[in-house]
Amino acid sequence: MTKPGGAFNASTRSLWFPADLDAARRSLLLVETDEVTLAEQPFLDRRWRRTALAERWAPLEPVGAADEAPGLGFIFHTSFCCSTLIAAALDRRGRSLALREPWVLVQLADALRAGQCEPGQPLEGAPGLVFRALAGLASAGKVVVKPSNFANRVAREAAHGTSGRALLLYSDQPSFLISIAKGGVQLGRFVRSLFATVAADLGERMPFTGRDLLEMADLELAALVWRMQMAVVKRDLARYGPARTASLDSEAFLADPPGAIAALDGFFNLGLGPAHAREVVEGPLLGRHAKTPELAFTPSDRLSQAAAVRERLGGDLDRLVEWSHTAWPDLDGSNSMPPPLTWTGATS
């Protein structure tokens, strides 16, 4: 397969974006688009309406071993931690392209879980091909990808198949539970789906029977899911080595957005410059809902909503956190957190 990400049309600046992966066809689905369109999408998954865009399936073909590993950056996250907002804040035409939750990475993660990328299997070599396709999308500068947390499984291959850096972005356990409680029944279903996915990635025997899991309340399961995600991502990012990884608590970002954006610019070597962080903070981005840009939503709105849910939960919040550690005390394992992203004036 030719490197689809680098196939630019000189007049329209169009390019071929890898949108899907099919084991039966042993092919990538490529969508003809451009950097502006990609940067405008809150999500590059099944919510992206692309009926007017040309598509074609390209067969997966081996890439020579001498090809240099692409310098692709990753923001792996645990959900509800400003990941969509932070990725958007790192996008600047001509310098960096931030891709938010490409569906192809969810498909790749599922293929890895199913063993379809092993030697002799239908998608052998697919991780490297997908990484190169994504890295080649920017006409200048670098590409940073924020995968869905259902795609965090790709971190193992990205550690060795790319030369870029990886960030673990997270909120603390009570904040995660507050977000789930705020979302109601819909996020209860999300938690159960995420639990099954992360349990497969964790690969450890759980101290629960199937009946135990069925009888757990959504928030009890969510308390376990947060710890499971942290355990998996910490373990897998250890493959990068400390020089290529960092961690960021979303509360540190919210306390100082310009400082955090500047620090992320330096961490990913994007070359955006100090003026970029000021422009982001003074622009409309922080005043809109990152997932639904047409809605007004500020950091203070986020804090006030969280405070209301925290008050409603009362003592149950502390009980849930304590219960999760009592019910599965050895879940966290021995892997340490990546070094914290720091900057002058940071509170954590």
Protein backbone atom coordinates (compact mmCIF):
# COMPACT_ATOMS: atom_id res chain seq x y z
CA MET A 1 0.00 0.00 0.00
CA THR A 2 1.28 3.45 -0.79
CA LYS A 3 1.51 5.83 2.11
CA PRO A 4 -2.03 7.26 1.87
CA GLY A 5 -1.56 10.02 4.41
CA GLY A 6 1.03 11.71 2.24
CA ALA A 7 -0.97 11.61 -0.99
CA PHE A 8 -1.68 15.33 -1.38
CA ASN A 9 -3.43 16.98 -4.29
CA ALA A 10 -1.37 20.08 -5.09
CA SER A 11 -4.36 22.28 -5.95
CA THR A 12 -6.91 21.25 -3.31
CA ARG A 13 -4.54 20.04 -0.58
CA SER A 14 -6.72 16.93 -0.35
CA LEU A 15 -5.39 13.82 1.33
CA TRP A 16 -6.51 10.29 2.11
CA PHE A 17 -7.50 9.73 5.74
CA PRO A 18 -7.53 6.13 7.10
CA ALA A 19 -11.09 5.81 8.42
CA ASP A 20 -11.61 2.08 8.90
CA LEU A 21 -9.92 -1.31 8.85
CA ASP A 22 -11.34 -4.56 7.50
CA ALA A 23 -9.74 -7.92 8.22
CA ALA A 24 -11.85 -9.79 5.65
CA ARG A 25 -10.72 -7.40 2.90
CA ARG A 26 -7.26 -6.94 4.41
CA SER A 27 -7.74 -3.28 3.56
CA LEU A 28 -7.89 0.26 4.89
CA LEU A 29 -10.84 2.49 4.04
CA LEU A 30 -9.44 5.84 2.87
CA VAL A 31 -11.52 9.03 2.84
CA GLU A 32 -10.54 11.98 0.65
CA THR A 33 -10.52 15.09 2.84
CA ASP A 34 -8.19 17.89 3.99
CA GLU A 35 -6.46 19.12 7.14
CA VAL A 36 -9.06 21.81 7.88
CA THR A 37 -11.91 19.32 7.76
CA LEU A 38 -10.03 16.87 9.99
CA ALA A 39 -9.21 19.57 12.54
CA GLU A 40 -12.83 20.69 12.70
CA GLN A 41 -14.19 17.28 13.72
CA PRO A 42 -14.79 16.78 17.46
CA PHE A 43 -14.64 13.04 16.69
CA LEU A 44 -13.29 11.15 13.68
CA ASP A 45 -15.40 8.10 14.39
CA ARG A 46 -18.86 6.99 13.33
CA ARG A 47 -20.28 10.39 14.34
CA TRP A 48 -18.34 12.08 11.50
CA ARG A 49 -20.74 12.79 8.65
CA ARG A 50 -18.76 12.24 5.48
CA THR A 51 -21.36 11.19 2.91
CA ALA A 52 -20.15 13.89 0.50
CA LEU A 53 -16.54 12.70 0.63
CA ALA A 54 -14.96 10.22 -1.76
CA GLU A 55 -13.88 6.87 -0.30
CA ARG A 56 -11.84 3.89 -1.49
CA TRP A 57 -10.51 0.68 -0.02
CA ALA A 58 -6.73 0.24 -0.25
CA PRO A 59 -5.17 -3.21 0.26
CA LEU A 60 -2.65 -3.57 3.07
CA GLU A 61 0.77 -4.26 1.66
CA PRO A 62 4.06 -4.69 3.55
CA VAL A 63 6.19 -1.64 4.27
CA GLY A 64 9.95 -2.11 4.04
CA ALA A 65 11.76 -2.66 7.31
CA ALA A 66 14.04 0.27 6.57
CA ASP A 67 11.18 2.77 6.78
CA GLU A 68 11.72 5.18 9.67
CA ALA A 69 9.25 4.93 12.57
CA PRO A 70 6.78 7.84 12.30
CA GLY A 71 6.99 10.62 14.86
CA LEU A 72 3.37 10.28 15.95
CA GLY A 73 2.33 11.71 19.33
CA PHE A 74 -0.44 10.17 21.44
CA ILE A 75 -2.76 11.42 24.17
CA PHE A 76 -4.06 8.33 25.96
CA HIS A 77 -6.80 9.14 28.45
CA THR A 78 -9.38 7.76 30.90
CA SER A 79 -12.46 9.75 29.72
CA PHE A 80 -14.02 12.91 31.16
CA CYS A 81 -10.64 14.60 31.60
CA CYS A 82 -10.68 17.43 29.01
CA SER A 83 -9.01 15.23 26.38
CA THR A 84 -11.07 16.56 23.46
CA LEU A 85 -10.45 20.15 24.54
CA ILE A 86 -6.72 19.63 25.05
CA ALA A 87 -6.30 17.93 21.67
CA ALA A 88 -8.11 20.83 19.97
CA ALA A 89 -5.86 23.29 21.80
CA LEU A 90 -2.79 21.67 20.20
CA ASP A 91 -4.04 22.03 16.63
CA ARG A 92 -2.52 24.78 14.50
CA ARG A 93 -2.56 24.78 10.73
CA GLY A 94 0.90 24.30 9.29
CA ARG A 95 2.43 23.35 12.64
CA SER A 96 0.43 20.50 14.11
CA LEU A 97 -2.65 18.45 13.31
CA ALA A 98 -4.64 17.05 16.24
CA LEU A 99 -6.79 14.03 15.41
CA ARG A 100 -9.56 13.21 17.85
CA GLU A 101 -10.65 9.59 18.26
CA PRO A 102 -10.04 8.11 14.79
CA TRP A 103 -12.32 5.09 14.40
CA VAL A 104 -9.55 3.18 12.66
CA LEU A 105 -7.68 2.96 15.98
CA VAL A 106 -10.69 1.37 17.71
CA GLN A 107 -10.80 -1.17 14.90
CA LEU A 108 -7.06 -1.72 15.17
CA ALA A 109 -7.32 -2.21 18.94
CA ASP A 110 -10.06 -4.81 18.49
CA ALA A 111 -7.97 -6.56 15.83
CA LEU A 112 -5.01 -6.68 18.22
CA ARG A 113 -7.21 -8.15 20.96
CA ALA A 114 -8.44 -10.80 18.54
CA GLY A 115 -4.90 -11.73 17.45
CA GLN A 116 -5.57 -10.67 13.85
CA CYS A 117 -2.30 -8.70 13.61
CA GLU A 118 -0.08 -11.64 14.52
CA PRO A 119 2.28 -13.15 11.89
CA GLY A 120 0.33 -15.06 9.29
CA GLN A 121 -2.97 -13.45 10.30
CA PRO A 122 -5.13 -11.24 8.01
CA LEU A 123 -3.95 -7.92 9.49
CA GLU A 124 -0.27 -8.71 9.95
CA GLY A 125 1.64 -5.42 9.77
CA ALA A 126 -1.50 -3.29 10.15
CA PRO A 127 -0.34 -1.32 13.23
CA GLY A 128 2.69 0.12 11.45
CA LEU A 129 0.70 0.90 8.33
CA VAL A 130 -2.02 2.70 10.28
CA PHE A 131 0.52 4.70 12.29
CA ARG A 132 2.30 5.79 9.09
CA ALA A 133 -0.98 6.74 7.43
CA LEU A 134 -1.94 8.95 10.38
CA ALA A 135 1.50 10.49 10.75
CA GLY A 136 1.58 11.44 7.07
CA LEU A 137 -1.58 13.54 7.18
CA ALA A 138 0.00 16.89 8.06
CA SER A 139 1.48 18.83 5.13
CA ALA A 140 3.90 20.42 7.60
CA GLY A 141 4.64 19.91 11.25
CA LYS A 142 3.52 16.99 13.38
CA VAL A 143 0.46 14.90 14.15
CA VAL A 144 -0.90 14.27 17.64
CA VAL A 145 -3.62 11.66 18.06
CA LYS A 146 -6.13 11.40 20.88
CA PRO A 147 -7.52 7.86 20.59
CA SER A 148 -10.78 6.78 22.15
CA ASN A 149 -10.06 5.08 25.45
CA PHE A 150 -11.55 1.96 23.84
CA ALA A 151 -8.40 2.11 21.67
CA ASN A 152 -5.81 2.46 24.46
CA ARG A 153 -4.70 -1.08 23.56
CA VAL A 154 -2.67 0.34 20.64
CA ALA A 155 -0.19 1.91 23.10
CA ARG A 156 1.80 -1.34 23.22
CA GLU A 157 2.49 -1.27 19.47
CA ALA A 158 2.85 2.52 19.31
CA ALA A 159 5.66 2.41 21.88
CA HIS A 160 7.86 0.49 19.43
CA GLY A 161 6.24 1.38 16.11
CA THR A 162 6.48 5.16 16.45
CA SER A 163 9.19 7.56 17.56
CA GLY A 164 6.89 10.16 19.15
CA ARG A 165 5.87 10.74 22.74
CA ALA A 166 2.81 9.67 24.74
CA LEU A 167 0.81 11.48 27.41
CA LEU A 168 -1.37 9.84 30.05
CA LEU A 169 -4.20 12.32 30.64
CA TYR A 170 -6.54 11.53 33.52
CA SER A 171 -8.89 12.87 36.15
CA ASP A 172 -8.92 11.48 39.67
CA GLN A 173 -11.23 8.65 40.67
CA PRO A 174 -13.91 10.81 42.39
CA SER A 175 -14.06 13.12 39.34
CA PHE A 176 -14.57 10.13 37.04
CA LEU A 177 -17.42 8.88 39.24
CA ILE A 178 -19.01 12.33 39.28
CA SER A 179 -18.96 12.42 35.47
CA ILE A 180 -20.61 9.00 35.26
CA ALA A 181 -23.27 9.99 37.81
CA LYS A 182 -23.94 13.20 35.89
CA GLY A 183 -24.55 11.23 32.69
CA GLY A 184 -27.21 8.92 34.10
CA VAL A 185 -28.37 5.71 32.41
CA GLN A 186 -26.56 6.36 29.13
CA LEU A 187 -23.17 6.50 30.84
CA GLY A 188 -24.09 3.46 32.91
CA ARG A 189 -24.20 1.48 29.65
CA PHE A 190 -20.92 3.11 28.61
CA VAL A 191 -19.25 1.93 31.84
CA ARG A 192 -20.32 -1.68 31.32
CA SER A 193 -19.02 -1.71 27.76
CA LEU A 194 -15.75 -0.09 28.84
CA PHE A 195 -15.38 -2.57 31.70
CA ALA A 196 -15.50 -5.53 29.29
CA THR A 197 -12.95 -3.88 26.98
CA VAL A 198 -10.48 -2.90 29.69
CA ALA A 199 -10.81 -6.27 31.43
CA ALA A 200 -9.60 -7.92 28.23
CA ASP A 201 -6.65 -5.52 28.02
CA LEU A 202 -5.77 -6.01 31.69
CA GLY A 203 -5.63 -9.78 31.29
CA GLU A 204 -5.76 -10.49 35.03
CA ARG A 205 -8.03 -12.77 37.01
CA MET A 206 -10.66 -10.72 38.80
CA PRO A 207 -11.78 -11.41 42.38
CA PHE A 208 -15.44 -11.40 41.26
CA THR A 209 -17.88 -13.93 39.89
CA GLY A 210 -20.08 -13.18 36.90
CA ARG A 211 -23.00 -12.82 39.29
CA ASP A 212 -21.04 -10.30 41.38
CA LEU A 213 -20.48 -8.15 38.30
CA LEU A 214 -24.11 -8.33 37.18
CA GLU A 215 -25.29 -7.22 40.61
CA MET A 216 -22.89 -4.27 40.88
CA ALA A 217 -24.34 -0.79 40.60
CA ASP A 218 -23.12 1.34 37.70
CA LEU A 219 -21.04 3.54 40.00
CA GLU A 220 -19.45 0.55 41.71
CA LEU A 221 -18.40 -0.80 38.34
CA ALA A 222 -17.22 2.68 37.34
CA ALA A 223 -15.00 2.86 40.42
CA LEU A 224 -13.30 -0.34 39.28
CA VAL A 225 -13.11 0.77 35.64
CA TRP A 226 -11.18 3.93 36.55
CA ARG A 227 -8.56 1.91 38.43
CA MET A 228 -8.42 -0.72 35.67
CA GLN A 229 -7.80 1.93 33.00
CA MET A 230 -5.03 3.52 35.02
CA ALA A 231 -3.38 0.14 35.61
CA VAL A 232 -3.48 -0.78 31.91
CA VAL A 233 -2.22 2.54 30.55
CA LYS A 234 0.57 2.86 33.13
CA ARG A 235 1.72 -0.68 32.33
CA ASP A 236 1.63 -0.17 28.56
CA LEU A 237 3.23 3.29 28.55
CA ALA A 238 6.15 1.83 30.49
CA ARG A 239 7.20 0.36 27.12
CA TYR A 240 7.93 3.89 25.89
CA GLY A 241 10.39 4.60 28.70
CA PRO A 242 10.24 7.67 30.96
CA ALA A 243 11.96 9.98 28.45
CA ARG A 244 9.03 9.63 26.02
CA THR A 245 6.11 9.79 28.45
CA ALA A 246 4.41 12.23 30.81
CA SER A 247 1.19 12.36 32.81
CA LEU A 248 -1.24 15.22 33.30
CA ASP A 249 -4.12 15.57 35.76
CA SER A 250 -6.95 17.46 34.05
CA GLU A 251 -7.37 19.60 37.18
CA ALA A 252 -3.84 20.94 36.66
CA PHE A 253 -4.82 21.87 33.12
CA LEU A 254 -8.00 23.64 34.26
CA ALA A 255 -6.05 25.55 36.91
CA ASP A 256 -3.65 26.97 34.32
CA PRO A 257 -4.66 26.35 30.68
CA PRO A 258 -2.01 28.58 29.07
CA GLY A 259 0.79 27.06 31.14
CA ALA A 260 -0.39 23.52 30.42
CA ILE A 261 -0.78 24.17 26.67
CA ALA A 262 2.72 25.64 26.49
CA ALA A 263 4.09 22.65 28.39
CA LEU A 264 2.33 20.23 26.04
CA ASP A 265 3.71 22.14 23.06
CA GLY A 266 7.20 21.54 24.43
CA PHE A 267 6.55 17.92 25.38
CA PHE A 268 5.36 16.98 21.88
CA ASN A 269 7.97 19.24 20.21
CA LEU A 270 5.26 20.94 18.14
CA GLY A 271 6.96 24.33 17.87
CA LEU A 272 3.72 26.28 18.35
CA GLY A 273 5.40 29.00 20.39
CA PRO A 274 4.28 30.95 23.49
CA ALA A 275 1.82 33.10 21.55
CA HIS A 276 -0.22 30.02 20.62
CA ALA A 277 -1.23 29.27 24.23
CA ARG A 278 -2.35 32.87 24.75
CA GLU A 279 -4.36 32.81 21.51
CA VAL A 280 -6.14 29.62 22.54
CA VAL A 281 -7.07 30.97 25.97
CA GLU A 282 -8.23 34.30 24.57
CA GLY A 283 -10.16 32.66 21.72
CA PRO A 284 -13.51 30.82 21.71
CA LEU A 285 -12.24 27.30 22.43
CA LEU A 286 -12.40 27.39 26.23
CA GLY A 287 -15.87 28.93 26.15
CA ARG A 288 -17.48 26.13 24.10
CA HIS A 289 -18.32 22.51 24.87
CA ALA A 290 -15.46 20.53 23.33
CA LYS A 291 -17.68 17.60 22.31
CA THR A 292 -20.59 19.81 21.15
CA PRO A 293 -18.98 23.07 19.97
CA GLU A 294 -22.27 24.82 19.34
CA LEU A 295 -22.95 24.84 23.10
CA ALA A 296 -21.43 27.40 25.45
CA PHE A 297 -19.49 25.73 28.27
CA THR A 298 -16.68 27.17 30.39
CA PRO A 299 -14.33 25.65 32.97
CA SER A 300 -16.41 27.34 35.69
CA ASP A 301 -19.54 25.63 34.31
CA ARG A 302 -17.74 22.31 34.55
CA LEU A 303 -16.74 22.97 38.15
CA SER A 304 -20.22 24.09 39.23
CA GLN A 305 -21.87 21.04 37.65
CA ALA A 306 -19.37 18.73 39.31
CA ALA A 307 -19.95 20.42 42.68
CA ALA A 308 -23.71 19.87 42.38
CA VAL A 309 -23.27 16.16 41.65
CA ARG A 310 -20.70 15.81 44.42
CA GLU A 311 -23.20 17.29 46.88
CA ARG A 312 -25.93 14.93 45.64
CA LEU A 313 -23.71 11.88 46.09
CA GLY A 314 -22.59 12.97 49.53
CA GLY A 315 -20.81 10.26 51.50
CA ASP A 316 -21.46 7.68 48.78
CA LEU A 317 -18.58 9.11 46.78
CA ASP A 318 -15.97 8.33 49.45
CA ARG A 319 -17.63 4.97 50.08
CA LEU A 320 -17.33 3.98 46.42
CA VAL A 321 -13.64 4.90 46.29
CA GLU A 322 -12.89 2.97 49.47
CA TRP A 323 -14.96 -0.02 48.35
CA SER A 324 -13.08 -0.30 45.04
CA HIS A 325 -9.75 -0.59 46.87
CA THR A 326 -11.11 -3.08 49.41
CA ALA A 327 -12.79 -5.22 46.75
CA TRP A 328 -9.71 -5.42 44.51
CA PRO A 329 -6.71 -4.31 46.59
CA ASP A 330 -3.91 -5.47 44.26
CA LEU A 331 -5.36 -4.06 41.03
CA ASP A 332 -2.94 -1.15 40.71
CA GLY A 333 0.08 -3.39 40.25
CA SER A 334 3.68 -2.23 40.40
CA ASN A 335 3.82 0.10 37.37
CA SER A 336 4.47 3.71 38.28
CA MET A 337 2.82 6.79 36.84
CA PRO A 338 4.69 8.45 33.95
CA PRO A 339 6.61 11.55 35.08
CA PRO A 340 4.21 14.45 35.67
CA LEU A 341 4.15 17.18 33.06
CA THR A 342 5.48 20.27 34.83
CA TRP A 343 5.78 23.95 34.06
CA THR A 344 6.43 27.17 35.92
CA GLY A 345 3.43 27.99 38.08
CA ALA A 346 1.92 24.49 37.89
CA THR A 347 0.09 23.38 41.03
CA SER A 348 0.76 19.67 40.53
